[in-house]
C-alpha atoms as a PDB file:
ATOM      1  CA  MET A   1       7.596  40.558  34.646  1.00  0.00           C
ATOM      2  CA  LYS A   2       9.852  39.515  37.563  1.00  0.00           C
ATOM      3  CA  ALA A   3       7.077  40.294  40.065  1.00  0.00           C
ATOM      4  CA  ARG A   4       4.733  38.084  38.067  1.00  0.00           C
ATOM      5  CA  PHE A   5       7.149  35.151  38.189  1.00  0.00           C
ATOM      6  CA  ALA A   6       7.690  35.617  41.951  1.00  0.00           C
ATOM      7  CA  ALA A   7       3.948  35.609  42.615  1.00  0.00           C
ATOM      8  CA  LEU A   8       3.407  32.495  40.524  1.00  0.00           C
ATOM      9  CA  GLY A   9       6.247  30.733  42.355  1.00  0.00           C
ATOM     10  CA  LEU A  10       4.648  31.543  45.718  1.00  0.00           C
ATOM     11  CA  VAL A  11       1.267  30.213  44.589  1.00  0.00           C
ATOM     12  CA  ALA A  12       2.883  27.015  43.316  1.00  0.00           C
ATOM     13  CA  ALA A  13       4.744  26.482  46.580  1.00  0.00           C
ATOM     14  CA  LEU A  14       1.566  26.903  48.608  1.00  0.00           C
ATOM     15  CA  ALA A  15      -0.188  24.353  46.363  1.00  0.00           C
ATOM     16  CA  VAL A  16       1.851  21.510  47.898  1.00  0.00           C
ATOM     17  CA  PRO A  17       0.196  20.423  51.161  1.00  0.00           C
ATOM     18  CA  ALA A  18       2.237  20.040  54.334  1.00  0.00           C
ATOM     19  CA  GLY A  19       1.537  16.302  54.446  1.00  0.00           C
ATOM     20  CA  ALA A  20       3.170  15.549  51.114  1.00  0.00           C
ATOM     21  CA  ASP A  21       5.843  12.882  50.844  1.00  0.00           C
ATOM     22  CA  THR A  22       9.400  14.192  50.605  1.00  0.00           C
ATOM     23  CA  LEU A  23      11.746  12.467  48.171  1.00  0.00           C
ATOM     24  CA  LYS A  24      15.480  12.964  48.658  1.00  0.00           C
ATOM     25  CA  ALA A  25      17.763  11.585  45.984  1.00  0.00           C
ATOM     26  CA  ASN A  26      21.497  11.829  45.381  1.00  0.00           C
ATOM     27  CA  TYR A  27      22.870  10.865  41.985  1.00  0.00           C
ATOM     28  CA  ALA A  28      26.408  10.050  40.862  1.00  0.00           C
ATOM     29  CA  LEU A  29      27.378  11.230  37.366  1.00  0.00           C
ATOM     30  CA  SER A  30      29.942   9.371  35.295  1.00  0.00           C
ATOM     31  CA  ILE A  31      31.129   8.902  31.717  1.00  0.00           C
ATOM     32  CA  VAL A  32      32.667   5.578  30.647  1.00  0.00           C
ATOM     33  CA  GLY A  33      32.843   4.755  34.345  1.00  0.00           C
ATOM     34  CA  ILE A  34      34.801   7.876  35.320  1.00  0.00           C
ATOM     35  CA  PRO A  35      33.101  10.082  37.978  1.00  0.00           C
ATOM     36  CA  ILE A  36      32.348  13.564  36.650  1.00  0.00           C
ATOM     37  CA  GLY A  37      29.983  15.039  39.227  1.00  0.00           C
ATOM     38  CA  HIS A  38      26.893  14.649  41.305  1.00  0.00           C
ATOM     39  CA  ALA A  39      23.279  15.808  41.445  1.00  0.00           C
ATOM     40  CA  PHE A  40      20.808  16.245  44.274  1.00  0.00           C
ATOM     41  CA  ALA A  41      17.015  16.284  44.090  1.00  0.00           C
ATOM     42  CA  LYS A  42      14.413  17.118  46.696  1.00  0.00           C
ATOM     43  CA  ALA A  43      10.752  16.768  45.839  1.00  0.00           C
ATOM     44  CA  GLU A  44       7.488  17.138  47.702  1.00  0.00           C
ATOM     45  CA  LEU A  45       4.664  15.194  46.090  1.00  0.00           C
ATOM     46  CA  ASP A  46       1.184  13.992  46.846  1.00  0.00           C
ATOM     47  CA  ALA A  47      -1.808  12.992  44.725  1.00  0.00           C
ATOM     48  CA  ASN A  48      -2.521  16.604  43.721  1.00  0.00           C
ATOM     49  CA  ALA A  49       0.709  18.592  43.476  1.00  0.00           C
ATOM     50  CA  TYR A  50       4.496  18.543  43.262  1.00  0.00           C
ATOM     51  CA  LYS A  51       7.433  20.824  44.005  1.00  0.00           C
ATOM     52  CA  VAL A  52      10.960  19.831  42.950  1.00  0.00           C
ATOM     53  CA  ASP A  53      14.409  21.370  43.510  1.00  0.00           C
ATOM     54  CA  LEU A  54      17.491  20.106  41.661  1.00  0.00           C
ATOM     55  CA  ALA A  55      21.199  20.911  41.819  1.00  0.00           C
ATOM     56  CA  VAL A  56      24.037  19.624  39.617  1.00  0.00           C
ATOM     57  CA  GLN A  57      27.782  20.176  39.904  1.00  0.00           C
ATOM     58  CA  LEU A  58      30.618  18.762  37.856  1.00  0.00           C
ATOM     59  CA  SER A  59      33.712  17.573  39.678  1.00  0.00           C
ATOM     60  CA  GLY A  60      36.899  15.585  39.151  1.00  0.00           C
ATOM     61  CA  VAL A  61      38.120  15.397  35.549  1.00  0.00           C
ATOM     62  CA  ALA A  62      35.066  17.237  34.228  1.00  0.00           C
ATOM     63  CA  ALA A  63      35.652  20.216  36.521  1.00  0.00           C
ATOM     64  CA  MET A  64      39.229  20.451  35.236  1.00  0.00           C
ATOM     65  CA  VAL A  65      37.867  20.893  31.710  1.00  0.00           C
ATOM     66  CA  VAL A  66      34.853  23.100  32.423  1.00  0.00           C
ATOM     67  CA  LYS A  67      33.662  24.344  35.806  1.00  0.00           C
ATOM     68  CA  THR A  68      29.910  24.206  35.428  1.00  0.00           C
ATOM     69  CA  LYS A  69      27.087  23.979  37.926  1.00  0.00           C
ATOM     70  CA  GLY A  70      23.354  24.358  37.694  1.00  0.00           C
ATOM     71  CA  ALA A  71      20.147  24.444  39.677  1.00  0.00           C
ATOM     72  CA  ALA A  72      16.514  24.097  38.691  1.00  0.00           C
ATOM     73  CA  SER A  73      13.146  24.168  40.391  1.00  0.00           C
ATOM     74  CA  GLY A  74       9.615  23.506  39.296  1.00  0.00           C
ATOM     75  CA  ALA A  75       6.134  23.152  40.729  1.00  0.00           C
ATOM     76  CA  GLY A  76       2.723  22.227  39.489  1.00  0.00           C
ATOM     77  CA  VAL A  77      -0.494  20.299  39.786  1.00  0.00           C
ATOM     78  CA  LEU A  78      -1.097  16.571  39.366  1.00  0.00           C
ATOM     79  CA  SER A  79      -4.535  16.006  37.866  1.00  0.00           C
ATOM     80  CA  GLY A  80      -5.345  12.375  37.232  1.00  0.00           C
ATOM     81  CA  ALA A  81      -2.848  11.148  34.641  1.00  0.00           C
ATOM     82  CA  SER A  82      -1.755  14.701  33.773  1.00  0.00           C
ATOM     83  CA  VAL A  83       1.203  16.754  35.005  1.00  0.00           C
ATOM     84  CA  LEU A  84       0.374  20.483  34.771  1.00  0.00           C
ATOM     85  CA  PRO A  85       3.357  22.687  35.671  1.00  0.00           C
ATOM     86  CA  THR A  86       2.825  26.195  37.013  1.00  0.00           C
ATOM     87  CA  SER A  87       6.400  27.464  37.315  1.00  0.00           C
ATOM     88  CA  TYR A  88       9.944  26.602  36.276  1.00  0.00           C
ATOM     89  CA  ALA A  89      13.348  28.198  36.828  1.00  0.00           C
ATOM     90  CA  ASN A  90      16.809  27.061  35.786  1.00  0.00           C
ATOM     91  CA  THR A  91      20.204  28.680  36.310  1.00  0.00           C
ATOM     92  CA  THR A  92      23.481  27.437  34.820  1.00  0.00           C
ATOM     93  CA  ALA A  93      26.860  28.974  35.525  1.00  0.00           C
ATOM     94  CA  ASN A  94      30.416  28.628  34.267  1.00  0.00           C
ATOM     95  CA  PRO A  95      33.434  30.930  34.622  1.00  0.00           C
ATOM     96  CA  ASN A  96      32.314  32.945  31.591  1.00  0.00           C
ATOM     97  CA  GLU A  97      28.561  33.300  31.973  1.00  0.00           C
ATOM     98  CA  THR A  98      25.512  32.742  34.151  1.00  0.00           C
ATOM     99  CA  ARG A  99      22.153  32.263  32.450  1.00  0.00           C
ATOM    100  CA  THR A 100      18.700  32.002  34.015  1.00  0.00           C
ATOM    101  CA  VAL A 101      15.555  30.691  32.347  1.00  0.00           C
ATOM    102  CA  ARG A 102      12.166  31.273  33.963  1.00  0.00           C
ATOM    103  CA  MET A 103       8.776  30.147  32.725  1.00  0.00           C
ATOM    104  CA  SER A 104       5.242  30.566  34.012  1.00  0.00           C
ATOM    105  CA  GLU A 105       2.784  27.904  32.944  1.00  0.00           C
ATOM    106  CA  GLY A 106      -0.818  26.913  33.336  1.00  0.00           C
ATOM    107  CA  GLY A 107      -2.993  24.097  32.054  1.00  0.00           C
ATOM    108  CA  GLY A 108      -0.124  22.649  30.054  1.00  0.00           C
ATOM    109  CA  THR A 109       0.580  25.926  28.227  1.00  0.00           C
ATOM    110  CA  ILE A 110       3.632  28.176  28.512  1.00  0.00           C
ATOM    111  CA  ASN A 111       2.345  31.644  29.409  1.00  0.00           C
ATOM    112  CA  ALA A 112       5.627  33.557  29.665  1.00  0.00           C
ATOM    113  CA  VAL A 113       9.357  32.927  29.160  1.00  0.00           C
ATOM    114  CA  ASP A 114      12.204  35.056  30.469  1.00  0.00           C
ATOM    115  CA  ILE A 115      15.807  34.197  29.468  1.00  0.00           C
ATOM    116  CA  SER A 116      18.618  36.320  30.883  1.00  0.00           C
ATOM    117  CA  PRO A 117      20.913  36.949  29.144  1.00  0.00           C
ATOM    118  CA  PRO A 118      19.059  36.044  25.936  1.00  0.00           C
ATOM    119  CA  PHE A 119      20.470  33.700  23.327  1.00  0.00           C
ATOM    120  CA  TYR A 120      21.875  35.532  20.311  1.00  0.00           C
ATOM    121  CA  ASP A 121      21.623  32.732  17.747  1.00  0.00           C
ATOM    122  CA  MET A 122      17.834  32.597  17.426  1.00  0.00           C
ATOM    123  CA  ALA A 123      17.969  33.246  13.661  1.00  0.00           C
ATOM    124  CA  GLU A 124      19.866  29.962  13.271  1.00  0.00           C
ATOM    125  CA  ARG A 125      17.170  27.952  15.061  1.00  0.00           C
ATOM    126  CA  VAL A 126      13.945  26.299  13.940  1.00  0.00           C
ATOM    127  CA  PRO A 127      11.172  28.729  14.988  1.00  0.00           C
ATOM    128  CA  VAL A 128       9.057  27.861  18.045  1.00  0.00           C
ATOM    129  CA  SER A 129       5.356  28.505  17.443  1.00  0.00           C
ATOM    130  CA  ALA A 130       2.535  29.022  19.938  1.00  0.00           C
ATOM    131  CA  ALA A 131       1.437  25.443  19.238  1.00  0.00           C
ATOM    132  CA  HIS A 132       4.864  24.195  20.356  1.00  0.00           C
ATOM    133  CA  LYS A 133       4.218  25.798  23.777  1.00  0.00           C
ATOM    134  CA  SER A 134       0.871  24.101  24.303  1.00  0.00           C
ATOM    135  CA  ARG A 135       0.289  20.730  26.002  1.00  0.00           C
ATOM    136  CA  VAL A 136       3.873  20.557  27.239  1.00  0.00           C
ATOM    137  CA  VAL A 137       5.841  20.182  30.459  1.00  0.00           C
ATOM    138  CA  ASP A 138       9.106  21.825  31.489  1.00  0.00           C
ATOM    139  CA  PRO A 139      12.256  19.730  32.182  1.00  0.00           C
ATOM    140  CA  VAL A 140      11.467  19.493  35.910  1.00  0.00           C
ATOM    141  CA  GLY A 141       7.835  18.562  35.334  1.00  0.00           C
ATOM    142  CA  ALA A 142       9.044  15.908  32.896  1.00  0.00           C
ATOM    143  CA  LEU A 143      10.695  14.082  35.816  1.00  0.00           C
ATOM    144  CA  VAL A 144       7.338  13.560  37.531  1.00  0.00           C
ATOM    145  CA  MET A 145       5.441  10.893  35.573  1.00  0.00           C
ATOM    146  CA  THR A 146       1.998   9.966  36.816  1.00  0.00           C
ATOM    147  CA  VAL A 147       0.622   6.464  36.306  1.00  0.00           C
ATOM    148  CA  PRO A 148      -3.117   5.975  35.624  1.00  0.00           C
ATOM    149  CA  ALA A 149      -5.201   5.013  38.642  1.00  0.00           C
ATOM    150  CA  GLY A 150      -5.471   1.271  39.083  1.00  0.00           C
ATOM    151  CA  GLN A 151      -2.295   0.619  37.080  1.00  0.00           C
ATOM    152  CA  PRO A 152       0.880  -0.750  38.721  1.00  0.00           C
ATOM    153  CA  LEU A 153       3.764   1.603  39.449  1.00  0.00           C
ATOM    154  CA  VAL A 154       6.273  -0.973  38.169  1.00  0.00           C
ATOM    155  CA  GLY A 155       5.761  -2.359  34.679  1.00  0.00           C
ATOM    156  CA  ALA A 156       4.629  -1.216  31.249  1.00  0.00           C
ATOM    157  CA  PRO A 157       2.240   1.532  32.476  1.00  0.00           C
ATOM    158  CA  ALA A 158       5.188   3.287  34.118  1.00  0.00           C
ATOM    159  CA  CYS A 159       7.187   3.453  30.893  1.00  0.00           C
ATOM    160  CA  ASN A 160       4.960   3.597  27.861  1.00  0.00           C
ATOM    161  CA  ARG A 161       4.486   7.310  27.179  1.00  0.00           C
ATOM    162  CA  THR A 162       5.726  10.251  25.141  1.00  0.00           C
ATOM    163  CA  ILE A 163       6.725  13.304  27.179  1.00  0.00           C
ATOM    164  CA  PRO A 164       6.342  16.667  25.365  1.00  0.00           C
ATOM    165  CA  VAL A 165       9.012  19.009  26.758  1.00  0.00           C
ATOM    166  CA  PHE A 166       9.791  22.713  26.294  1.00  0.00           C
ATOM    167  CA  ASP A 167      12.824  24.065  28.150  1.00  0.00           C
ATOM    168  CA  GLY A 168      12.397  27.719  27.212  1.00  0.00           C
ATOM    169  CA  LEU A 169      14.473  27.329  24.060  1.00  0.00           C
ATOM    170  CA  VAL A 170      13.971  23.875  22.517  1.00  0.00           C
ATOM    171  CA  ARG A 171      10.759  21.900  22.055  1.00  0.00           C
ATOM    172  CA  PHE A 172      11.316  18.123  21.966  1.00  0.00           C
ATOM    173  CA  ASP A 173       9.627  14.811  22.692  1.00  0.00           C
ATOM    174  CA  VAL A 174      11.025  11.979  24.816  1.00  0.00           C
ATOM    175  CA  ALA A 175       9.392   8.643  24.003  1.00  0.00           C
ATOM    176  CA  LEU A 176       9.719   5.865  26.597  1.00  0.00           C
ATOM    177  CA  THR A 177       9.078   2.189  25.867  1.00  0.00           C
ATOM    178  CA  PHE A 178       8.921  -0.600  28.422  1.00  0.00           C
ATOM    179  CA  VAL A 179      11.852  -3.033  28.284  1.00  0.00           C
ATOM    180  CA  GLY A 180      11.543  -4.904  31.579  1.00  0.00           C
ATOM    181  CA  THR A 181      12.090  -4.634  35.319  1.00  0.00           C
ATOM    182  CA  ARG A 182      15.045  -5.110  37.626  1.00  0.00           C
ATOM    183  CA  ASN A 183      15.790  -4.894  41.314  1.00  0.00           C
ATOM    184  CA  VAL A 184      18.013  -2.113  42.606  1.00  0.00           C
ATOM    185  CA  ARG A 185      19.442  -1.067  45.951  1.00  0.00           C
ATOM    186  CA  ALA A 186      20.448   2.369  47.172  1.00  0.00           C
ATOM    187  CA  LYS A 187      20.328   4.165  50.498  1.00  0.00           C
ATOM    188  CA  GLY A 188      16.629   4.488  51.320  1.00  0.00           C
ATOM    189  CA  TYR A 189      15.254   2.154  48.652  1.00  0.00           C
ATOM    190  CA  ALA A 190      15.602  -1.479  47.713  1.00  0.00           C
ATOM    191  CA  GLY A 191      13.141  -2.901  45.239  1.00  0.00           C
ATOM    192  CA  PRO A 192      11.995  -3.014  41.635  1.00  0.00           C
ATOM    193  CA  VAL A 193      12.242  -0.334  38.979  1.00  0.00           C
ATOM    194  CA  SER A 194      10.860  -0.179  35.449  1.00  0.00           C
ATOM    195  CA  VAL A 195      13.448  -0.200  32.667  1.00  0.00           C
ATOM    196  CA  CYS A 196      12.510   2.001  29.696  1.00  0.00           C
ATOM    197  CA  ALA A 197      14.191   2.561  26.350  1.00  0.00           C
ATOM    198  CA  ALA A 198      14.236   6.268  25.455  1.00  0.00           C
ATOM    199  CA  ARG A 199      14.175   8.155  22.159  1.00  0.00           C
ATOM    200  CA  TYR A 200      14.687  11.880  21.582  1.00  0.00           C
ATOM    201  CA  THR A 201      12.808  13.785  18.862  1.00  0.00           C
ATOM    202  CA  PRO A 202      13.595  17.506  18.371  1.00  0.00           C
ATOM    203  CA  LEU A 203      10.689  19.578  17.072  1.00  0.00           C
ATOM    204  CA  ALA A 204      11.654  23.261  17.275  1.00  0.00           C
ATOM    205  CA  GLY A 205      14.153  25.670  18.810  1.00  0.00           C
ATOM    206  CA  TYR A 206      17.221  23.647  17.841  1.00  0.00           C
ATOM    207  CA  LYS A 207      19.930  24.824  15.447  1.00  0.00           C
ATOM    208  CA  LYS A 208      19.119  23.761  11.904  1.00  0.00           C
ATOM    209  CA  ASP A 209      22.654  22.520  11.195  1.00  0.00           C
ATOM    210  CA  SER A 210      23.387  21.008  14.634  1.00  0.00           C
ATOM    211  CA  GLN A 211      25.301  17.733  14.388  1.00  0.00           C
ATOM    212  CA  SER A 212      24.719  16.997  18.079  1.00  0.00           C
ATOM    213  CA  THR A 213      20.947  17.335  17.632  1.00  0.00           C
ATOM    214  CA  ARG A 214      21.066  14.989  14.656  1.00  0.00           C
ATOM    215  CA  TYR A 215      23.136  12.508  16.663  1.00  0.00           C
ATOM    216  CA  MET A 216      20.716  12.531  19.586  1.00  0.00           C
ATOM    217  CA  ALA A 217      17.714  12.118  17.292  1.00  0.00           C
ATOM    218  CA  GLU A 218      19.310   8.968  15.858  1.00  0.00           C
ATOM    219  CA  ASN A 219      20.588   7.740  19.223  1.00  0.00           C
ATOM    220  CA  ARG A 220      19.222   4.351  20.294  1.00  0.00           C
ATOM    221  CA  ASN A 221      21.584   3.997  23.237  1.00  0.00           C
ATOM    222  CA  MET A 222      19.424   5.641  25.918  1.00  0.00           C
ATOM    223  CA  GLN A 223      17.676   4.144  28.938  1.00  0.00           C
ATOM    224  CA  VAL A 224      15.740   5.391  31.956  1.00  0.00           C
ATOM    225  CA  TRP A 225      14.905   3.336  35.046  1.00  0.00           C
ATOM    226  CA  LEU A 226      11.842   4.597  36.903  1.00  0.00           C
ATOM    227  CA  ALA A 227      11.247   4.139  40.633  1.00  0.00           C
ATOM    228  CA  PRO A 228       7.784   4.326  42.222  1.00  0.00           C
ATOM    229  CA  ILE A 229       6.423   7.163  44.383  1.00  0.00           C
ATOM    230  CA  GLU A 230       3.286   5.804  46.028  1.00  0.00           C
ATOM    231  CA  ALA A 231       1.664   8.956  47.433  1.00  0.00           C
ATOM    232  CA  ALA A 232       1.556  10.694  44.056  1.00  0.00           C
ATOM    233  CA  HIS A 233       0.973   7.398  42.183  1.00  0.00           C
ATOM    234  CA  ALA A 234       3.887   8.429  40.006  1.00  0.00           C
ATOM    235  CA  VAL A 235       7.376   7.393  38.984  1.00  0.00           C
ATOM    236  CA  THR A 236      10.631   9.311  38.662  1.00  0.00           C
ATOM    237  CA  PRO A 237      14.131   8.502  37.346  1.00  0.00           C
ATOM    238  CA  TYR A 238      16.408   6.302  39.432  1.00  0.00           C
ATOM    239  CA  TYR A 239      18.961   5.776  36.647  1.00  0.00           C
ATOM    240  CA  ILE A 240      19.601   7.417  33.270  1.00  0.00           C
ATOM    241  CA  SER A 241      22.131   6.390  30.628  1.00  0.00           C
ATOM    242  CA  VAL A 242      22.796   8.283  27.417  1.00  0.00           C
ATOM    243  CA  GLY A 243      25.218   7.198  24.734  1.00  0.00           C
ATOM    244  CA  THR A 244      27.396  10.011  23.358  1.00  0.00           C
ATOM    245  CA  LYS A 245      30.293  10.195  20.912  1.00  0.00           C
ATOM    246  CA  ALA A 246      32.636  10.405  23.929  1.00  0.00           C
ATOM    247  CA  GLY A 247      31.075   7.404  25.681  1.00  0.00           C
ATOM    248  CA  THR A 248      28.029   6.599  27.779  1.00  0.00           C
ATOM    249  CA  ILE A 249      26.985   9.127  30.416  1.00  0.00           C
ATOM    250  CA  VAL A 250      25.330   7.550  33.465  1.00  0.00           C
ATOM    251  CA  ILE A 251      23.289   9.247  36.185  1.00  0.00           C
ATOM    252  CA  GLN A 252      22.601   6.753  38.984  1.00  0.00           C
ATOM    253  CA  ALA A 253      20.970   7.171  42.386  1.00  0.00           C
ATOM    254  CA  THR A 254      23.155   6.500  45.396  1.00  0.00           C
ATOM    255  CA  GLU A 255      20.334   7.603  47.723  1.00  0.00           C
ATOM    256  CA  PHE A 256      16.622   7.428  46.981  1.00  0.00           C
ATOM    257  CA  SER A 257      14.505   7.850  50.080  1.00  0.00           C
ATOM    258  CA  VAL A 258      10.929   8.909  50.735  1.00  0.00           C
ATOM    259  CA  GLU A 259       9.957  10.389  54.082  1.00  0.00           C
ATOM    260  CA  GLY A 260       6.385  10.741  55.253  1.00  0.00           C
ATOM    261  CA  LYS A 261       3.932   8.176  54.008  1.00  0.00           C
ATOM    262  CA  ARG A 262       5.270   4.702  53.371  1.00  0.00           C
ATOM    263  CA  ALA A 263       7.218   4.447  50.115  1.00  0.00           C
ATOM    264  CA  ALA A 264       6.222   1.860  47.521  1.00  0.00           C
ATOM    265  CA  GLN A 265       8.331  -1.287  47.848  1.00  0.00           C
END
């Protein structure tokens, strides 16, 4: 199984041509205005493929409560208006445990899932069927949102969509709705972004009695701002805000730069 995942990862990496644009983004994480960590993303994208690496680390007050860090990577094919992941890996670590999730994918279908160590509360969760693993993207692939050819990268076509996501455990939808546009400025980018309202709908894999899942499903305090990536004719998050019982969590780019072909302005 591990050899299979390694081979698929190599194929996915080779699928991204050398001339692809490289996106580098740094994000500041905060809750009610208090810094709690940072995230870094590096992505190679063109009109046909993508490869993304992410890293997240809590710091400051958050690190005093729980020392957690994580990393994820994903790759796949961009086919017209479709994002078709081929591989995904995610590792999260705290002082008590490190867990890795790997998935191989093809044509929008999850072919294999490996979770180490496995979750031991599966009997308490809504069962995930084969249908739940079809026509989906992983959490990294969900960050790459193609826009139909001929449509603008800033405006309603960037937002209006429902993203079907499977993270190896939970199957959920994220529905985005266009709210408007605004101008932003960060290192490497100054220009317009699309402002989208977001809704979360859990479908399977979640705990049947989870209060947090119920809260998120009813949560109307969520927004995503999407910045344009011209070479791939796609958009990706510049800013995310999520209301929680403890206050609003914000993930905001402090650097958002594209190297290679000229970035959309």
